Amino acid sequence: MLAVIAIVAVRGSLHADQMRSVANPDRITIYTRTILFEWLSFGLVLVGVWLRRSSLSSVVGDRWSSARQFLRDVGIALAFLIVTIAVLSIFGPHGHDADSSVQFLLPHGGREAALWVLLSITAGICEEVVYRGYLQKQFTALTRSSAAGIIFSALIFGAAHSYQGFAKASQIALLGAMGGLLAYWCRTVRPGMIAHALQDVLGGFFKH
C-alpha cells in the first residue's frame, strides 16, 4: 500500500506542474483516473484484510444498527467539519500562491461539477478506509502507540497530496491528524467519511 501511494504521489507531482501550465487542462480525465485509483486502493486494502481472514469492519468500524447511530455519526461529522474549517482558517495557507496551487483542479461547468461531487464522495470513503482505517491501525500495531499511528498515517496522507504544493500538503496532513483523532475517539471511520466527503465537495465550489 505504501509503495502504491509513493508511486502515485511522485507521478501526480510531476503531472501537476504540467497541468498548471495548461490554460484548460482535461479535468474530466483527471477526476476519472483519480476515482479509479481511489477504488483500487480501497480494493487493495480489502484484499489484505480478507487474506488475514478479517472483515471490512476491522478497518471501517461496526455497521450502523439503527437510525439513531446513523444520525449520531452525521452530527459528529458536521461538528467535526465546522471545527476543521475553523482550524484551517486560522492555520491554513492563505493568499494567491495557496489558491493557484490547486486552482487547475477545481471544476468548471455542470459536467465537471457532477464528477467532482462523485470524486469527493469516493475520496471520503476510500481515503478514510486506507489512511485512518488501515494504515493508522497498522502503524499503531507496529509502534504500539496510538499517537504514533495517528502521526505517521497523517504524514503519509499529506505526502500523498504533495502534488498540491508543500503548503497545501501540510494543511492536508493536519486534517489527517485531526481525522485520525476522530477515528480513534469514535472507533470508526464513518463520521470521518461523511466529513471528508462534505469538505471536499465544498472545496470544489468555495475557497476556504
Protein backbone atom coordinates (compact mmCIF):
# COMPACT_ATOMS: atom_id res chain seq x y z
CA MET A 1 0.00 0.00 0.00
CA LEU A 2 2.81 2.41 0.87
CA ALA A 3 4.62 1.60 -2.38
CA VAL A 4 1.49 2.30 -4.42
CA ILE A 5 0.90 5.60 -2.60
CA ALA A 6 4.52 6.65 -3.16
CA ILE A 7 4.46 5.87 -6.89
CA VAL A 8 1.18 7.71 -7.45
CA ALA A 9 2.32 10.69 -5.37
CA VAL A 10 5.50 11.10 -7.41
CA ARG A 11 3.62 10.71 -10.67
CA GLY A 12 0.99 13.19 -9.53
CA SER A 13 3.60 15.78 -8.59
CA LEU A 14 5.27 15.52 -11.99
CA HIS A 15 1.99 15.85 -13.88
CA ALA A 16 0.63 18.65 -11.66
CA ASP A 17 3.33 21.07 -12.80
CA GLN A 18 2.36 20.36 -16.40
CA MET A 19 -1.36 20.81 -15.68
CA ARG A 20 -0.78 24.21 -14.04
CA SER A 21 0.87 25.46 -17.21
CA VAL A 22 -2.10 24.46 -19.39
CA ALA A 23 -4.89 27.00 -19.86
CA ASN A 24 -7.67 24.41 -19.77
CA PRO A 25 -6.47 21.01 -18.51
CA ASP A 26 -8.53 17.87 -19.06
CA ARG A 27 -10.15 17.75 -15.63
CA ILE A 28 -12.61 15.04 -16.64
CA THR A 29 -9.71 12.64 -17.23
CA ILE A 30 -8.00 13.74 -14.01
CA TYR A 31 -11.17 13.14 -11.98
CA THR A 32 -11.88 9.79 -13.63
CA ARG A 33 -8.37 8.45 -13.11
CA THR A 34 -8.36 9.62 -9.51
CA ILE A 35 -11.69 7.92 -8.80
CA LEU A 36 -10.33 4.69 -10.32
CA PHE A 37 -7.15 4.86 -8.24
CA GLU A 38 -9.12 5.54 -5.05
CA TRP A 39 -11.27 2.44 -5.51
CA LEU A 40 -8.27 0.33 -6.50
CA SER A 41 -6.59 1.40 -3.25
CA PHE A 42 -9.75 0.52 -1.35
CA GLY A 43 -9.74 -2.88 -3.07
CA LEU A 44 -6.10 -3.47 -2.18
CA VAL A 45 -6.92 -2.90 1.49
CA LEU A 46 -9.86 -5.30 1.23
CA VAL A 47 -7.66 -7.98 -0.30
CA GLY A 48 -5.17 -7.61 2.55
CA VAL A 49 -7.93 -7.76 5.14
CA TRP A 50 -9.52 -10.84 3.58
CA LEU A 51 -6.16 -12.60 3.28
CA ARG A 52 -5.81 -12.16 7.03
CA ARG A 53 -9.30 -13.66 7.39
CA SER A 54 -10.65 -10.49 8.89
CA SER A 55 -13.68 -8.37 7.89
CA LEU A 56 -14.29 -4.91 6.50
CA SER A 57 -15.50 -3.82 9.94
CA SER A 58 -11.92 -4.17 11.20
CA VAL A 59 -10.93 -1.07 9.19
CA VAL A 60 -14.27 0.73 8.96
CA GLY A 61 -15.91 0.03 12.30
CA ASP A 62 -19.18 -1.65 13.15
CA ARG A 63 -22.15 -1.15 10.86
CA TRP A 64 -24.98 1.19 11.73
CA SER A 65 -27.59 -0.89 13.51
CA SER A 66 -30.14 1.89 13.94
CA ALA A 67 -31.17 5.26 12.57
CA ARG A 68 -30.02 6.79 15.83
CA GLN A 69 -26.44 5.63 15.28
CA PHE A 70 -26.51 6.99 11.73
CA LEU A 71 -27.80 10.37 12.87
CA ARG A 72 -25.23 10.45 15.67
CA ASP A 73 -22.39 9.94 13.20
CA VAL A 74 -23.83 12.59 10.88
CA GLY A 75 -23.98 15.02 13.80
CA ILE A 76 -20.38 14.22 14.78
CA ALA A 77 -19.31 14.67 11.16
CA LEU A 78 -20.97 18.09 10.87
CA ALA A 79 -19.43 19.26 14.15
CA PHE A 80 -16.02 17.97 13.03
CA LEU A 81 -16.40 19.73 9.68
CA ILE A 82 -17.06 23.05 11.42
CA VAL A 83 -14.01 22.56 13.64
CA THR A 84 -11.71 21.71 10.72
CA ILE A 85 -12.88 24.72 8.71
CA ALA A 86 -12.23 26.95 11.72
CA VAL A 87 -8.77 25.46 12.31
CA LEU A 88 -7.78 25.76 8.66
CA SER A 89 -9.00 29.34 8.50
CA ILE A 90 -6.50 30.11 11.27
CA PHE A 91 -3.55 27.85 10.46
CA GLY A 92 -4.08 27.03 6.79
CA PRO A 93 -2.19 28.71 3.94
CA HIS A 94 -3.72 31.88 2.51
CA GLY A 95 -3.15 34.10 -0.48
CA HIS A 96 -2.69 33.73 -4.21
CA ASP A 97 0.02 31.05 -4.03
CA ALA A 98 -2.16 28.77 -1.92
CA ASP A 99 -5.10 29.20 -4.30
CA SER A 100 -3.09 28.78 -7.52
CA SER A 101 -1.59 25.50 -6.32
CA VAL A 102 -4.96 23.76 -6.70
CA GLN A 103 -6.86 26.11 -9.00
CA PHE A 104 -6.32 23.85 -12.01
CA LEU A 105 -8.17 21.03 -10.22
CA LEU A 106 -11.40 22.89 -9.46
CA PRO A 107 -14.47 22.11 -11.60
CA HIS A 108 -15.80 24.31 -14.38
CA GLY A 109 -19.27 23.67 -15.71
CA GLY A 110 -22.02 21.23 -14.79
CA ARG A 111 -20.39 18.02 -16.01
CA GLU A 112 -17.17 18.66 -14.12
CA ALA A 113 -19.12 19.73 -11.03
CA ALA A 114 -21.12 16.49 -11.01
CA LEU A 115 -17.97 14.42 -11.42
CA TRP A 116 -16.28 16.46 -8.67
CA VAL A 117 -19.08 15.53 -6.26
CA LEU A 118 -18.62 11.86 -7.17
CA LEU A 119 -14.87 12.21 -6.70
CA SER A 120 -15.41 13.85 -3.30
CA ILE A 121 -17.67 11.04 -2.10
CA THR A 122 -15.18 8.48 -3.39
CA ALA A 123 -12.29 10.20 -1.60
CA GLY A 124 -14.31 10.42 1.61
CA ILE A 125 -14.94 6.69 1.61
CA CYS A 126 -11.71 5.32 0.21
CA GLU A 127 -9.15 7.64 1.81
CA GLU A 128 -10.65 7.26 5.27
CA VAL A 129 -10.53 3.48 4.92
CA VAL A 130 -6.95 3.49 3.59
CA TYR A 131 -5.40 6.10 5.88
CA ARG A 132 -7.48 6.12 9.07
CA GLY A 133 -8.95 2.64 8.95
CA TYR A 134 -5.98 0.66 7.67
CA LEU A 135 -2.64 2.49 7.82
CA GLN A 136 -3.32 4.16 11.15
CA LYS A 137 -4.09 0.81 12.76
CA GLN A 138 -1.07 -0.81 11.11
CA PHE A 139 1.29 1.89 12.39
CA THR A 140 -0.34 1.73 15.81
CA ALA A 141 0.29 -2.02 15.93
CA LEU A 142 3.88 -1.68 14.67
CA THR A 143 4.82 1.11 17.09
CA ARG A 144 2.50 0.05 19.91
CA SER A 145 1.47 3.69 20.16
CA SER A 146 -1.85 5.19 19.12
CA ALA A 147 -0.26 8.65 18.89
CA ALA A 148 2.46 7.37 16.56
CA GLY A 149 -0.15 5.61 14.43
CA ILE A 150 -2.09 8.85 14.03
CA ILE A 151 1.02 10.92 13.26
CA PHE A 152 2.58 8.53 10.74
CA SER A 153 -0.66 7.96 8.82
CA ALA A 154 -1.29 11.74 8.77
CA LEU A 155 2.19 12.44 7.39
CA ILE A 156 1.71 9.88 4.65
CA PHE A 157 -1.72 11.35 3.91
CA GLY A 158 -0.12 14.76 3.46
CA ALA A 159 2.74 13.37 1.36
CA ALA A 160 0.24 11.62 -0.92
CA HIS A 161 -1.17 15.07 -1.75
CA SER A 162 2.23 16.67 -2.36
CA TYR A 163 1.18 17.46 -5.94
CA GLN A 164 -0.83 20.34 -4.44
CA GLY A 165 2.33 22.01 -3.13
CA PHE A 166 4.04 21.97 0.26
CA ALA A 167 1.64 24.42 1.93
CA LYS A 168 -1.49 22.51 0.91
CA ALA A 169 0.11 19.15 1.69
CA SER A 170 0.95 20.38 5.19
CA GLN A 171 -2.63 21.51 5.62
CA ILE A 172 -3.87 18.11 4.47
CA ALA A 173 -1.51 16.37 6.90
CA LEU A 174 -3.04 18.46 9.69
CA LEU A 175 -6.50 17.39 8.53
CA GLY A 176 -5.26 13.80 8.53
CA ALA A 177 -4.12 14.07 12.14
CA MET A 178 -7.47 15.55 13.14
CA GLY A 179 -9.26 12.79 11.25
CA GLY A 180 -7.06 10.23 12.97
CA LEU A 181 -8.03 11.57 16.37
CA LEU A 182 -11.69 11.43 15.36
CA ALA A 183 -11.40 7.81 14.18
CA TYR A 184 -9.57 6.84 17.38
CA TRP A 185 -12.19 8.53 19.55
CA CYS A 186 -15.21 7.15 17.65
CA ARG A 187 -13.64 3.73 16.98
CA THR A 188 -14.97 4.00 13.44
CA VAL A 189 -14.13 5.96 10.29
CA ARG A 190 -17.76 6.55 9.34
CA PRO A 191 -18.06 10.12 10.75
CA GLY A 192 -14.73 10.93 9.10
CA MET A 193 -16.02 9.63 5.78
CA ILE A 194 -19.01 11.95 5.92
CA ALA A 195 -16.98 14.99 6.99
CA HIS A 196 -14.24 14.27 4.43
CA ALA A 197 -16.71 13.98 1.56
CA LEU A 198 -18.55 17.17 2.57
CA GLN A 199 -15.31 19.12 2.93
CA ASP A 200 -14.09 18.03 -0.49
CA VAL A 201 -17.42 18.93 -2.08
CA LEU A 202 -17.32 22.38 -0.51
CA GLY A 203 -13.67 22.78 -1.51
CA GLY A 204 -14.64 22.49 -5.15
CA PHE A 205 -17.07 25.41 -5.01
CA PHE A 206 -15.88 27.67 -2.20
CA LYS A 207 -12.45 28.99 -1.24
CA HIS A 208 -11.64 28.47 2.43
